[in-house]
C-alpha atoms as a PDB file:
ATOM      1  CA  UNK A   1      -5.832 -35.820  44.794  1.00  0.00           C
ATOM      2  CA  UNK A   2      -2.593 -34.348  43.638  1.00  0.00           C
ATOM      3  CA  UNK A   3      -0.419 -31.312  43.640  1.00  0.00           C
ATOM      4  CA  UNK A   4       3.247 -31.960  42.614  1.00  0.00           C
ATOM      5  CA  UNK A   5       7.026 -32.634  42.928  1.00  0.00           C
ATOM      6  CA  UNK A   6      10.444 -33.227  41.254  1.00  0.00           C
ATOM      7  CA  UNK A   7      14.048 -34.496  41.109  1.00  0.00           C
ATOM      8  CA  UNK A   8      17.259 -32.680  42.015  1.00  0.00           C
ATOM      9  CA  UNK A   9      20.849 -33.334  42.961  1.00  0.00           C
ATOM     10  CA  UNK A  10      21.054 -35.685  45.871  1.00  0.00           C
ATOM     11  CA  UNK A  11      19.374 -34.079  48.855  1.00  0.00           C
ATOM     12  CA  UNK A  12      20.910 -34.209  52.357  1.00  0.00           C
ATOM     13  CA  UNK A  13      20.223 -37.393  54.334  1.00  0.00           C
ATOM     14  CA  UNK A  14      16.738 -37.554  55.841  1.00  0.00           C
ATOM     15  CA  UNK A  15      16.630 -37.895  59.583  1.00  0.00           C
ATOM     16  CA  UNK A  16      14.056 -37.611  62.315  1.00  0.00           C
ATOM     17  CA  UNK A  17      15.261 -34.068  62.911  1.00  0.00           C
ATOM     18  CA  UNK A  18      15.384 -30.905  60.821  1.00  0.00           C
ATOM     19  CA  UNK A  19      18.054 -30.489  58.206  1.00  0.00           C
ATOM     20  CA  UNK A  20      20.379 -27.536  58.610  1.00  0.00           C
ATOM     21  CA  UNK A  21      20.931 -27.425  54.845  1.00  0.00           C
ATOM     22  CA  UNK A  22      20.163 -24.153  53.116  1.00  0.00           C
ATOM     23  CA  UNK A  23      18.063 -25.907  50.478  1.00  0.00           C
ATOM     24  CA  UNK A  24      14.799 -27.564  51.524  1.00  0.00           C
ATOM     25  CA  UNK A  25      14.800 -31.351  51.639  1.00  0.00           C
ATOM     26  CA  UNK A  26      12.497 -34.279  52.286  1.00  0.00           C
ATOM     27  CA  UNK A  27      12.440 -35.343  55.907  1.00  0.00           C
ATOM     28  CA  UNK A  28      10.323 -37.840  57.745  1.00  0.00           C
ATOM     29  CA  UNK A  29       7.698 -36.110  59.935  1.00  0.00           C
ATOM     30  CA  UNK A  30       9.190 -34.806  63.160  1.00  0.00           C
ATOM     31  CA  UNK A  31       7.747 -33.090  66.272  1.00  0.00           C
ATOM     32  CA  UNK A  32      10.586 -30.544  66.019  1.00  0.00           C
ATOM     33  CA  UNK A  33       8.741 -28.410  63.464  1.00  0.00           C
ATOM     34  CA  UNK A  34       5.428 -28.261  65.296  1.00  0.00           C
ATOM     35  CA  UNK A  35       5.286 -24.463  65.405  1.00  0.00           C
ATOM     36  CA  UNK A  36       5.810 -23.952  61.673  1.00  0.00           C
ATOM     37  CA  UNK A  37       3.524 -26.904  60.897  1.00  0.00           C
ATOM     38  CA  UNK A  38       0.680 -25.355  62.886  1.00  0.00           C
ATOM     39  CA  UNK A  39       1.231 -22.018  61.151  1.00  0.00           C
ATOM     40  CA  UNK A  40       0.989 -23.811  57.789  1.00  0.00           C
ATOM     41  CA  UNK A  41      -2.223 -25.562  58.835  1.00  0.00           C
ATOM     42  CA  UNK A  42      -3.718 -22.191  59.760  1.00  0.00           C
ATOM     43  CA  UNK A  43      -2.918 -21.015  56.233  1.00  0.00           C
ATOM     44  CA  UNK A  44      -4.609 -24.081  54.749  1.00  0.00           C
ATOM     45  CA  UNK A  45      -7.640 -23.620  57.015  1.00  0.00           C
ATOM     46  CA  UNK A  46      -7.989 -20.065  55.695  1.00  0.00           C
ATOM     47  CA  UNK A  47      -8.505 -21.677  52.279  1.00  0.00           C
ATOM     48  CA  UNK A  48     -11.272 -23.866  53.759  1.00  0.00           C
ATOM     49  CA  UNK A  49      -9.057 -26.937  53.815  1.00  0.00           C
ATOM     50  CA  UNK A  50     -10.368 -29.333  56.407  1.00  0.00           C
ATOM     51  CA  UNK A  51     -13.997 -28.476  55.658  1.00  0.00           C
ATOM     52  CA  UNK A  52     -16.432 -31.430  55.542  1.00  0.00           C
ATOM     53  CA  UNK A  53     -16.294 -31.492  51.742  1.00  0.00           C
ATOM     54  CA  UNK A  54     -12.468 -31.506  51.648  1.00  0.00           C
ATOM     55  CA  UNK A  55     -11.399 -35.043  50.777  1.00  0.00           C
ATOM     56  CA  UNK A  56      -7.716 -34.272  50.248  1.00  0.00           C
ATOM     57  CA  UNK A  57      -4.966 -35.677  52.458  1.00  0.00           C
ATOM     58  CA  UNK A  58      -4.450 -32.312  54.177  1.00  0.00           C
ATOM     59  CA  UNK A  59      -8.202 -32.162  54.710  1.00  0.00           C
ATOM     60  CA  UNK A  60      -8.181 -35.630  56.259  1.00  0.00           C
ATOM     61  CA  UNK A  61      -5.327 -34.717  58.598  1.00  0.00           C
ATOM     62  CA  UNK A  62      -7.054 -31.522  59.757  1.00  0.00           C
ATOM     63  CA  UNK A  63     -10.370 -33.328  60.273  1.00  0.00           C
ATOM     64  CA  UNK A  64      -8.821 -36.298  62.077  1.00  0.00           C
ATOM     65  CA  UNK A  65      -5.983 -34.766  64.105  1.00  0.00           C
ATOM     66  CA  UNK A  66      -6.574 -31.011  64.108  1.00  0.00           C
ATOM     67  CA  UNK A  67      -8.235 -31.085  67.496  1.00  0.00           C
ATOM     68  CA  UNK A  68      -5.268 -32.776  69.165  1.00  0.00           C
ATOM     69  CA  UNK A  69      -2.041 -31.491  67.617  1.00  0.00           C
ATOM     70  CA  UNK A  70      -2.109 -28.183  69.525  1.00  0.00           C
ATOM     71  CA  UNK A  71      -0.642 -30.046  72.493  1.00  0.00           C
ATOM     72  CA  UNK A  72       2.874 -31.448  72.505  1.00  0.00           C
ATOM     73  CA  UNK A  73       1.566 -34.938  73.241  1.00  0.00           C
ATOM     74  CA  UNK A  74      -1.134 -34.759  70.596  1.00  0.00           C
ATOM     75  CA  UNK A  75       1.277 -33.600  67.930  1.00  0.00           C
ATOM     76  CA  UNK A  76       3.765 -36.336  68.813  1.00  0.00           C
ATOM     77  CA  UNK A  77       0.971 -38.910  68.461  1.00  0.00           C
ATOM     78  CA  UNK A  78       0.093 -37.460  65.059  1.00  0.00           C
ATOM     79  CA  UNK A  79       3.706 -37.784  63.921  1.00  0.00           C
ATOM     80  CA  UNK A  80       3.819 -41.393  65.122  1.00  0.00           C
ATOM     81  CA  UNK A  81       0.661 -42.169  63.163  1.00  0.00           C
ATOM     82  CA  UNK A  82       2.244 -40.827  59.968  1.00  0.00           C
ATOM     83  CA  UNK A  83       5.288 -43.042  60.490  1.00  0.00           C
ATOM     84  CA  UNK A  84       3.093 -46.069  61.224  1.00  0.00           C
ATOM     85  CA  UNK A  85       1.066 -45.564  58.049  1.00  0.00           C
ATOM     86  CA  UNK A  86       4.030 -46.756  55.997  1.00  0.00           C
ATOM     87  CA  UNK A  87       3.765 -50.292  57.420  1.00  0.00           C
ATOM     88  CA  UNK A  88       1.561 -52.957  55.881  1.00  0.00           C
ATOM     89  CA  UNK A  89       0.411 -54.261  59.264  1.00  0.00           C
ATOM     90  CA  UNK A  90      -0.906 -50.903  60.482  1.00  0.00           C
ATOM     91  CA  UNK A  91      -4.743 -50.905  60.693  1.00  0.00           C
ATOM     92  CA  UNK A  92      -6.334 -48.511  58.181  1.00  0.00           C
ATOM     93  CA  UNK A  93      -9.750 -47.843  56.621  1.00  0.00           C
ATOM     94  CA  UNK A  94     -10.957 -50.233  53.918  1.00  0.00           C
ATOM     95  CA  UNK A  95      -9.531 -49.229  50.555  1.00  0.00           C
ATOM     96  CA  UNK A  96      -6.547 -47.363  52.020  1.00  0.00           C
ATOM     97  CA  UNK A  97      -3.020 -48.573  51.276  1.00  0.00           C
ATOM     98  CA  UNK A  98       0.362 -48.191  53.022  1.00  0.00           C
ATOM     99  CA  UNK A  99       1.709 -44.711  52.461  1.00  0.00           C
ATOM    100  CA  UNK A 100       4.975 -42.976  53.318  1.00  0.00           C
ATOM    101  CA  UNK A 101       4.763 -39.270  54.111  1.00  0.00           C
ATOM    102  CA  UNK A 102       7.654 -36.812  54.021  1.00  0.00           C
ATOM    103  CA  UNK A 103       7.660 -33.175  54.963  1.00  0.00           C
ATOM    104  CA  UNK A 104       9.477 -30.603  52.852  1.00  0.00           C
ATOM    105  CA  UNK A 105      11.552 -28.713  55.385  1.00  0.00           C
ATOM    106  CA  UNK A 106      13.809 -25.690  55.064  1.00  0.00           C
ATOM    107  CA  UNK A 107      15.557 -23.390  57.492  1.00  0.00           C
ATOM    108  CA  UNK A 108      12.197 -21.861  58.376  1.00  0.00           C
ATOM    109  CA  UNK A 109      10.591 -25.220  59.030  1.00  0.00           C
ATOM    110  CA  UNK A 110       7.566 -26.751  57.329  1.00  0.00           C
ATOM    111  CA  UNK A 111       6.997 -25.811  53.691  1.00  0.00           C
ATOM    112  CA  UNK A 112       4.836 -28.684  52.504  1.00  0.00           C
ATOM    113  CA  UNK A 113       4.282 -32.410  52.450  1.00  0.00           C
ATOM    114  CA  UNK A 114       4.253 -35.248  49.951  1.00  0.00           C
ATOM    115  CA  UNK A 115       3.001 -38.793  50.327  1.00  0.00           C
ATOM    116  CA  UNK A 116       3.794 -41.891  48.302  1.00  0.00           C
ATOM    117  CA  UNK A 117       1.206 -44.659  48.205  1.00  0.00           C
ATOM    118  CA  UNK A 118       2.992 -47.984  47.939  1.00  0.00           C
ATOM    119  CA  UNK A 119       0.460 -49.496  45.547  1.00  0.00           C
ATOM    120  CA  UNK A 120      -2.726 -48.634  43.678  1.00  0.00           C
ATOM    121  CA  UNK A 121      -6.276 -49.835  44.185  1.00  0.00           C
ATOM    122  CA  UNK A 122      -8.846 -49.652  41.389  1.00  0.00           C
ATOM    123  CA  UNK A 123     -10.054 -46.337  42.800  1.00  0.00           C
ATOM    124  CA  UNK A 124      -6.553 -44.867  43.067  1.00  0.00           C
ATOM    125  CA  UNK A 125      -5.848 -46.021  39.533  1.00  0.00           C
ATOM    126  CA  UNK A 126      -8.706 -43.838  38.348  1.00  0.00           C
ATOM    127  CA  UNK A 127      -8.196 -40.896  40.698  1.00  0.00           C
ATOM    128  CA  UNK A 128      -5.557 -40.157  43.302  1.00  0.00           C
ATOM    129  CA  UNK A 129      -2.601 -42.089  41.949  1.00  0.00           C
ATOM    130  CA  UNK A 130       0.584 -42.893  43.803  1.00  0.00           C
ATOM    131  CA  UNK A 131       1.421 -39.374  44.982  1.00  0.00           C
ATOM    132  CA  UNK A 132      -0.334 -36.539  46.766  1.00  0.00           C
ATOM    133  CA  UNK A 133       1.319 -33.313  47.840  1.00  0.00           C
ATOM    134  CA  UNK A 134       0.655 -29.820  49.165  1.00  0.00           C
ATOM    135  CA  UNK A 135       2.746 -26.671  49.502  1.00  0.00           C
ATOM    136  CA  UNK A 136       1.720 -24.223  52.218  1.00  0.00           C
ATOM    137  CA  UNK A 137       0.099 -21.101  50.683  1.00  0.00           C
ATOM    138  CA  UNK A 138       2.864 -18.674  51.676  1.00  0.00           C
ATOM    139  CA  UNK A 139       5.531 -20.893  50.069  1.00  0.00           C
ATOM    140  CA  UNK A 140       3.867 -21.375  46.687  1.00  0.00           C
ATOM    141  CA  UNK A 141       5.210 -20.310  43.289  1.00  0.00           C
ATOM    142  CA  UNK A 142       8.810 -20.869  44.379  1.00  0.00           C
ATOM    143  CA  UNK A 143       9.417 -24.247  42.762  1.00  0.00           C
ATOM    144  CA  UNK A 144       8.806 -26.314  45.898  1.00  0.00           C
ATOM    145  CA  UNK A 145       6.190 -28.575  44.323  1.00  0.00           C
ATOM    146  CA  UNK A 146       8.471 -29.380  41.399  1.00  0.00           C
ATOM    147  CA  UNK A 147      11.413 -30.040  43.716  1.00  0.00           C
ATOM    148  CA  UNK A 148       9.368 -32.249  46.045  1.00  0.00           C
ATOM    149  CA  UNK A 149       8.150 -34.440  43.207  1.00  0.00           C
ATOM    150  CA  UNK A 150      11.665 -34.724  41.833  1.00  0.00           C
ATOM    151  CA  UNK A 151      12.984 -35.747  45.255  1.00  0.00           C
ATOM    152  CA  UNK A 152      10.337 -38.433  45.780  1.00  0.00           C
ATOM    153  CA  UNK A 153      10.897 -40.253  42.483  1.00  0.00           C
ATOM    154  CA  UNK A 154      14.024 -42.116  43.727  1.00  0.00           C
ATOM    155  CA  UNK A 155      12.069 -43.109  46.842  1.00  0.00           C
ATOM    156  CA  UNK A 156       9.420 -44.673  44.618  1.00  0.00           C
ATOM    157  CA  UNK A 157      12.078 -46.421  42.522  1.00  0.00           C
ATOM    158  CA  UNK A 158      13.618 -47.859  45.699  1.00  0.00           C
ATOM    159  CA  UNK A 159      10.240 -49.439  46.469  1.00  0.00           C
ATOM    160  CA  UNK A 160      10.112 -51.130  43.080  1.00  0.00           C
ATOM    161  CA  UNK A 161       7.752 -48.637  41.431  1.00  0.00           C
ATOM    162  CA  UNK A 162       9.080 -47.951  37.940  1.00  0.00           C
ATOM    163  CA  UNK A 163       6.485 -45.338  37.046  1.00  0.00           C
ATOM    164  CA  UNK A 164       4.177 -43.382  39.347  1.00  0.00           C
ATOM    165  CA  UNK A 165       0.674 -42.234  38.543  1.00  0.00           C
ATOM    166  CA  UNK A 166       0.112 -38.573  39.399  1.00  0.00           C
ATOM    167  CA  UNK A 167      -3.263 -36.944  38.792  1.00  0.00           C
ATOM    168  CA  UNK A 168      -4.559 -33.396  38.921  1.00  0.00           C
ATOM    169  CA  UNK A 169      -7.711 -31.515  38.036  1.00  0.00           C
ATOM    170  CA  UNK A 170      -8.010 -30.817  34.324  1.00  0.00           C
ATOM    171  CA  UNK A 171      -8.042 -27.060  34.966  1.00  0.00           C
ATOM    172  CA  UNK A 172      -5.043 -27.099  37.338  1.00  0.00           C
ATOM    173  CA  UNK A 173      -2.496 -25.668  34.903  1.00  0.00           C
ATOM    174  CA  UNK A 174       0.194 -25.173  37.547  1.00  0.00           C
ATOM    175  CA  UNK A 175       0.060 -28.767  38.770  1.00  0.00           C
ATOM    176  CA  UNK A 176       0.083 -30.176  35.247  1.00  0.00           C
ATOM    177  CA  UNK A 177       3.163 -28.068  34.519  1.00  0.00           C
ATOM    178  CA  UNK A 178       4.942 -29.464  37.585  1.00  0.00           C
ATOM    179  CA  UNK A 179       4.160 -33.035  36.598  1.00  0.00           C
ATOM    180  CA  UNK A 180       5.327 -32.515  33.023  1.00  0.00           C
ATOM    181  CA  UNK A 181       8.525 -30.892  34.276  1.00  0.00           C
ATOM    182  CA  UNK A 182       9.300 -34.185  36.004  1.00  0.00           C
ATOM    183  CA  UNK A 183       8.842 -36.194  32.833  1.00  0.00           C
ATOM    184  CA  UNK A 184       5.134 -36.903  33.256  1.00  0.00           C
ATOM    185  CA  UNK A 185       3.392 -38.328  30.201  1.00  0.00           C
ATOM    186  CA  UNK A 186      -0.345 -37.733  29.925  1.00  0.00           C
ATOM    187  CA  UNK A 187      -2.303 -40.957  29.505  1.00  0.00           C
ATOM    188  CA  UNK A 188      -5.797 -39.492  29.425  1.00  0.00           C
ATOM    189  CA  UNK A 189      -8.410 -37.338  31.117  1.00  0.00           C
ATOM    190  CA  UNK A 190     -10.963 -39.196  33.202  1.00  0.00           C
ATOM    191  CA  UNK A 191     -13.881 -37.559  35.002  1.00  0.00           C
ATOM    192  CA  UNK A 192     -12.168 -34.165  35.011  1.00  0.00           C
ATOM    193  CA  UNK A 193      -8.795 -35.546  36.137  1.00  0.00           C
ATOM    194  CA  UNK A 194      -5.614 -35.575  34.074  1.00  0.00           C
ATOM    195  CA  UNK A 195      -3.708 -38.841  34.566  1.00  0.00           C
ATOM    196  CA  UNK A 196       0.062 -38.699  34.116  1.00  0.00           C
ATOM    197  CA  UNK A 197       2.659 -41.454  34.388  1.00  0.00           C
ATOM    198  CA  UNK A 198       6.048 -40.281  35.629  1.00  0.00           C
ATOM    199  CA  UNK A 199       9.122 -42.546  35.283  1.00  0.00           C
ATOM    200  CA  UNK A 200      11.068 -42.911  38.527  1.00  0.00           C
ATOM    201  CA  UNK A 201      14.447 -43.906  37.056  1.00  0.00           C
END
């Protein structure tokens, strides 16, 4: 499933900690933003994210880890699992691929997340694509999705991906606009999903 992102002037270096830059930037998941992360998850839960019929990445995280990340130890384990998911050798469900997750962090902490799948399966080629992202409800309509997608494109290029597949629901006008703003070219609509290819160079 998708939401969206985009490319900007070079963002501050990503570290395990929180950037002090005024502008939000991609950072690897870190336990340091636990409080704002939990507040964001409460906002998503209010939208019924994490319900049994929610098959998005946020839904998966809430269903799988939501019962443990309210403790310091549980949240740290969750962060470690996100880091480990980027490695080929990490055990994962059948059909899942290595995936790097970044959080979009500003001075007030967690604003959203974006994940880059390192390759596509037949299923992901039809629906899901290379990239999935979410902006917390209270931070929407401020350009964060467009900026996140822009910032991730060089990360994809560095992994040898010349063009990323990004999909969204056919009626998701906002997400389609974000993808197009990053140079996305519509290939087709398949089973109610718009399939865009976005160059990473």
